Amino acid sequence: MYVVTAGDSARACPSCGVFATRLKDYRTTRPRHLPCGGRPVSIRWRKARWRCTEPACPRGSFTEAIRAVPAGMRTTTALRQAAGAAVCDGSRTVVQAGRDLHLSWPIVQHCFEDYAAKALPETPPATEAIGIDETRRGTPALQPPARPRPSVAARHASPMPPGP
């Protein structure tokens, strides 16, 4: 699939917001996207590199960016959203989601963190009471055992023969 940017908002300078009018050159990028029908999707995006003509702007040039592929990203927003959802909602590990979507571990971990930050509340609800873990093995440390247990040495000791 070949993509060309048609929207005017893609040529707005990310630093100052002025719409660029001078074209510098073109770059072809290949952002990764979700598979379709179990087959990989190949995208080639020919995006323009613009010169910012605002004299007060510190940025000299920039490439087009759209919401589906933010500036500096090599994956689409849909792929990043699917990777975060696979870990957060799909009960997959980061490694499994990376293997299924053909992404590296750090990328999937970052997608999961972004997805969780949007899904979780800003401040967690207050906890009214903290209880002891019910799955803890053995008796709770704060309660004495019901009956004293003999030591390991006492359980395996053979009776001593009487002395001379």
Foldseek 3Di string as FASTA:
>chain_A
DEAEDDDQQQQQDPQPRDRFDAWDAWDWAWAFEFPDPLHGDTYIYTWTKGADPDPVGPDGIDIGADQQAGPPHRYGPRLLLVLLCCVVVVVDDLVVSCVSRVHDSVSSVVSVVVNVVVVDDPDDDDDPDDDDDPPDPDDDPVDDDPDDDDDPCVVPPDDDPDDD
